Amino acid sequence: MAFDTTAEAQRRHDDVFRAMTPDQRVAMAAEMSETAFRLAEDGVRMRHPHYTDDEVRHAALRLRLGEELFAAAFPAVPPLPG
C-alpha cells in the first residue's frame, strides 16, 4: 500500500483496477508509458533549450534505452551537442 493513500482509497483503487478488462489494463499501461516518455522529453527540453525536436527525442531515447542499446539501434545518429 502507498504511504500517502488511505486504506479505503487503496481498496477503491484495487476494485476499479480489478474491474478493468485486460485490454483496458494494457491501454492504461501504454498511456502511462507514453506520458513518462513525454515527461522525459520535457525534462530534456528544460535542460537543453537549444536542442532541436529530433535532438530532444534522441536524448530522451538515450535515457530510456541506455547509450549502448541506443547506439546499436540508431548507429547513424551522432552524439548530442553539450
N, C-alpha and C. Protein backbone atom coordinates (compact mmCIF):
# COMPACT_ATOMS: atom_id res chain seq x y z
N MET A 1 0.83 -1.18 0.00
CA MET A 1 0.00 0.00 0.00
C MET A 1 0.88 1.25 0.00
N ALA A 2 0.46 2.25 -0.72
CA ALA A 2 1.20 3.51 -0.77
C ALA A 2 1.12 4.21 0.58
N PHE A 3 2.17 4.92 0.94
CA PHE A 3 2.22 5.61 2.23
C PHE A 3 1.30 6.83 2.28
N ASP A 4 0.95 7.38 1.12
CA ASP A 4 0.14 8.59 1.09
C ASP A 4 -1.31 8.31 0.71
N THR A 5 -1.74 7.06 0.87
CA THR A 5 -3.09 6.65 0.47
C THR A 5 -3.79 5.98 1.64
N THR A 6 -5.04 6.36 1.87
CA THR A 6 -5.79 5.71 2.93
C THR A 6 -6.15 4.29 2.51
N ALA A 7 -6.47 3.47 3.48
CA ALA A 7 -6.85 2.09 3.19
C ALA A 7 -8.11 2.06 2.31
N GLU A 8 -9.07 2.94 2.59
CA GLU A 8 -10.29 2.98 1.79
C GLU A 8 -10.00 3.38 0.34
N ALA A 9 -9.15 4.37 0.16
CA ALA A 9 -8.79 4.80 -1.20
C ALA A 9 -8.07 3.67 -1.93
N GLN A 10 -7.21 2.96 -1.22
CA GLN A 10 -6.49 1.83 -1.83
C GLN A 10 -7.46 0.73 -2.24
N ARG A 11 -8.43 0.43 -1.39
CA ARG A 11 -9.42 -0.59 -1.73
C ARG A 11 -10.21 -0.18 -2.98
N ARG A 12 -10.60 1.08 -3.03
CA ARG A 12 -11.36 1.59 -4.19
C ARG A 12 -10.52 1.47 -5.47
N HIS A 13 -9.27 1.86 -5.36
CA HIS A 13 -8.34 1.75 -6.50
C HIS A 13 -8.25 0.30 -6.96
N ASP A 14 -8.05 -0.59 -6.02
CA ASP A 14 -7.92 -2.01 -6.36
C ASP A 14 -9.20 -2.55 -7.01
N ASP A 15 -10.36 -2.13 -6.49
CA ASP A 15 -11.63 -2.57 -7.08
C ASP A 15 -11.77 -2.10 -8.52
N VAL A 16 -11.43 -0.84 -8.77
CA VAL A 16 -11.51 -0.30 -10.13
C VAL A 16 -10.56 -1.06 -11.05
N PHE A 17 -9.34 -1.29 -10.58
CA PHE A 17 -8.35 -1.99 -11.39
C PHE A 17 -8.80 -3.42 -11.69
N ARG A 18 -9.34 -4.11 -10.70
CA ARG A 18 -9.81 -5.48 -10.91
C ARG A 18 -10.98 -5.54 -11.88
N ALA A 19 -11.79 -4.48 -11.94
CA ALA A 19 -12.95 -4.46 -12.83
C ALA A 19 -12.56 -4.18 -14.28
N MET A 20 -11.33 -3.75 -14.51
CA MET A 20 -10.89 -3.45 -15.87
C MET A 20 -10.64 -4.73 -16.65
N THR A 21 -10.89 -4.67 -17.94
CA THR A 21 -10.57 -5.81 -18.81
C THR A 21 -9.06 -5.81 -19.06
N PRO A 22 -8.51 -6.93 -19.51
CA PRO A 22 -7.10 -6.95 -19.86
C PRO A 22 -6.74 -5.89 -20.91
N ASP A 23 -7.60 -5.70 -21.88
CA ASP A 23 -7.34 -4.68 -22.90
C ASP A 23 -7.28 -3.29 -22.28
N GLN A 24 -8.15 -3.01 -21.32
CA GLN A 24 -8.13 -1.71 -20.66
C GLN A 24 -6.85 -1.52 -19.86
N ARG A 25 -6.40 -2.59 -19.21
CA ARG A 25 -5.15 -2.50 -18.44
C ARG A 25 -3.96 -2.24 -19.36
N VAL A 26 -3.93 -2.92 -20.49
CA VAL A 26 -2.83 -2.72 -21.45
C VAL A 26 -2.88 -1.29 -21.99
N ALA A 27 -4.06 -0.81 -22.31
CA ALA A 27 -4.19 0.56 -22.81
C ALA A 27 -3.73 1.57 -21.77
N MET A 28 -4.08 1.33 -20.51
CA MET A 28 -3.66 2.23 -19.45
C MET A 28 -2.14 2.20 -19.29
N ALA A 29 -1.55 1.02 -19.34
CA ALA A 29 -0.10 0.91 -19.23
C ALA A 29 0.60 1.62 -20.38
N ALA A 30 0.08 1.47 -21.59
CA ALA A 30 0.67 2.14 -22.75
C ALA A 30 0.57 3.65 -22.60
N GLU A 31 -0.57 4.13 -22.12
CA GLU A 31 -0.74 5.57 -21.92
C GLU A 31 0.21 6.10 -20.85
N MET A 32 0.39 5.34 -19.79
CA MET A 32 1.31 5.76 -18.73
C MET A 32 2.75 5.78 -19.24
N SER A 33 3.10 4.81 -20.06
CA SER A 33 4.44 4.76 -20.63
C SER A 33 4.68 5.96 -21.54
N GLU A 34 3.70 6.28 -22.36
CA GLU A 34 3.80 7.43 -23.26
C GLU A 34 3.93 8.73 -22.46
N THR A 35 3.16 8.84 -21.39
CA THR A 35 3.24 10.02 -20.54
C THR A 35 4.63 10.15 -19.91
N ALA A 36 5.17 9.04 -19.45
CA ALA A 36 6.51 9.07 -18.85
C ALA A 36 7.56 9.50 -19.88
N PHE A 37 7.42 9.03 -21.11
CA PHE A 37 8.37 9.42 -22.15
C PHE A 37 8.25 10.91 -22.46
N ARG A 38 7.03 11.42 -22.53
CA ARG A 38 6.82 12.85 -22.78
C ARG A 38 7.40 13.69 -21.64
N LEU A 39 7.28 13.21 -20.41
CA LEU A 39 7.88 13.92 -19.27
C LEU A 39 9.40 13.93 -19.39
N ALA A 40 9.97 12.82 -19.85
CA ALA A 40 11.42 12.77 -20.06
C ALA A 40 11.83 13.77 -21.14
N GLU A 41 11.05 13.84 -22.22
CA GLU A 41 11.34 14.82 -23.26
C GLU A 41 11.25 16.24 -22.72
N ASP A 42 10.24 16.51 -21.91
CA ASP A 42 10.10 17.85 -21.33
C ASP A 42 11.31 18.19 -20.46
N GLY A 43 11.79 17.22 -19.72
CA GLY A 43 12.99 17.44 -18.89
C GLY A 43 14.20 17.75 -19.74
N VAL A 44 14.37 17.02 -20.85
CA VAL A 44 15.49 17.29 -21.76
C VAL A 44 15.37 18.70 -22.32
N ARG A 45 14.16 19.08 -22.73
CA ARG A 45 13.94 20.43 -23.28
C ARG A 45 14.29 21.52 -22.26
N MET A 46 13.94 21.28 -21.01
CA MET A 46 14.24 22.26 -19.96
C MET A 46 15.74 22.40 -19.75
N ARG A 47 16.45 21.29 -19.78
CA ARG A 47 17.90 21.32 -19.56
C ARG A 47 18.67 21.78 -20.79
N HIS A 48 18.10 21.58 -21.98
CA HIS A 48 18.79 21.89 -23.23
C HIS A 48 17.84 22.62 -24.19
N PRO A 49 17.49 23.84 -23.90
CA PRO A 49 16.52 24.56 -24.73
C PRO A 49 16.99 24.77 -26.17
N HIS A 50 18.30 24.62 -26.42
CA HIS A 50 18.84 24.81 -27.77
C HIS A 50 18.71 23.56 -28.64
N TYR A 51 18.31 22.41 -28.06
CA TYR A 51 18.17 21.18 -28.84
C TYR A 51 17.01 21.31 -29.82
N THR A 52 17.19 20.71 -30.98
CA THR A 52 16.08 20.59 -31.94
C THR A 52 15.11 19.52 -31.43
N ASP A 53 13.95 19.42 -32.07
CA ASP A 53 12.98 18.38 -31.69
C ASP A 53 13.57 16.99 -31.84
N ASP A 54 14.33 16.76 -32.91
CA ASP A 54 14.98 15.45 -33.09
C ASP A 54 16.00 15.19 -31.99
N GLU A 55 16.77 16.19 -31.64
CA GLU A 55 17.77 16.01 -30.58
C GLU A 55 17.11 15.72 -29.23
N VAL A 56 15.99 16.37 -28.97
CA VAL A 56 15.25 16.09 -27.73
C VAL A 56 14.78 14.65 -27.73
N ARG A 57 14.20 14.21 -28.85
CA ARG A 57 13.71 12.83 -28.94
C ARG A 57 14.85 11.84 -28.76
N HIS A 58 15.98 12.10 -29.41
CA HIS A 58 17.12 11.20 -29.29
C HIS A 58 17.67 11.17 -27.86
N ALA A 59 17.74 12.33 -27.23
CA ALA A 59 18.23 12.37 -25.84
C ALA A 59 17.30 11.59 -24.92
N ALA A 60 15.99 11.74 -25.11
CA ALA A 60 15.03 11.01 -24.28
C ALA A 60 15.13 9.50 -24.54
N LEU A 61 15.34 9.12 -25.78
CA LEU A 61 15.52 7.70 -26.09
C LEU A 61 16.81 7.17 -25.48
N ARG A 62 17.86 7.97 -25.48
CA ARG A 62 19.11 7.55 -24.84
C ARG A 62 18.88 7.28 -23.35
N LEU A 63 18.09 8.15 -22.69
CA LEU A 63 17.78 7.94 -21.28
C LEU A 63 16.99 6.65 -21.08
N ARG A 64 16.08 6.39 -21.98
CA ARG A 64 15.20 5.22 -21.86
C ARG A 64 15.93 3.92 -22.16
N LEU A 65 16.78 3.93 -23.20
CA LEU A 65 17.41 2.70 -23.67
C LEU A 65 18.81 2.47 -23.10
N GLY A 66 19.47 3.54 -22.69
CA GLY A 66 20.88 3.44 -22.34
C GLY A 66 21.72 3.68 -23.59
N GLU A 67 22.92 4.15 -23.39
CA GLU A 67 23.77 4.55 -24.52
C GLU A 67 24.11 3.38 -25.45
N GLU A 68 24.42 2.23 -24.89
CA GLU A 68 24.83 1.08 -25.71
C GLU A 68 23.70 0.60 -26.62
N LEU A 69 22.51 0.44 -26.08
CA LEU A 69 21.38 -0.02 -26.89
C LEU A 69 20.95 1.07 -27.88
N PHE A 70 20.99 2.34 -27.45
CA PHE A 70 20.65 3.42 -28.36
C PHE A 70 21.60 3.41 -29.56
N ALA A 71 22.90 3.30 -29.29
CA ALA A 71 23.89 3.30 -30.38
C ALA A 71 23.68 2.12 -31.32
N ALA A 72 23.29 0.97 -30.77
CA ALA A 72 23.04 -0.20 -31.62
C ALA A 72 21.78 0.00 -32.46
N ALA A 73 20.77 0.62 -31.89
CA ALA A 73 19.50 0.81 -32.60
C ALA A 73 19.55 1.98 -33.58
N PHE A 74 20.36 2.99 -33.27
CA PHE A 74 20.43 4.20 -34.10
C PHE A 74 21.90 4.54 -34.41
N PRO A 75 22.59 3.68 -35.14
CA PRO A 75 24.02 3.90 -35.35
C PRO A 75 24.34 5.18 -36.14
N ALA A 76 23.41 5.68 -36.93
CA ALA A 76 23.67 6.86 -37.74
C ALA A 76 23.45 8.18 -36.99
N VAL A 77 22.89 8.09 -35.79
CA VAL A 77 22.62 9.32 -35.04
C VAL A 77 23.90 9.73 -34.30
N PRO A 78 24.38 10.95 -34.59
CA PRO A 78 25.61 11.40 -33.94
C PRO A 78 25.38 11.73 -32.47
N PRO A 79 26.45 11.83 -31.70
CA PRO A 79 26.31 12.26 -30.30
C PRO A 79 25.67 13.65 -30.24
N LEU A 80 24.98 13.90 -29.16
CA LEU A 80 24.31 15.18 -28.99
C LEU A 80 25.28 16.28 -28.59
N PRO A 81 24.98 17.53 -28.98
CA PRO A 81 25.81 18.65 -28.53
C PRO A 81 25.64 18.83 -27.03
N GLY A 82 26.59 19.48 -26.40
CA GLY A 82 26.56 19.69 -24.96
C GLY A 82 25.52 20.61 -24.46
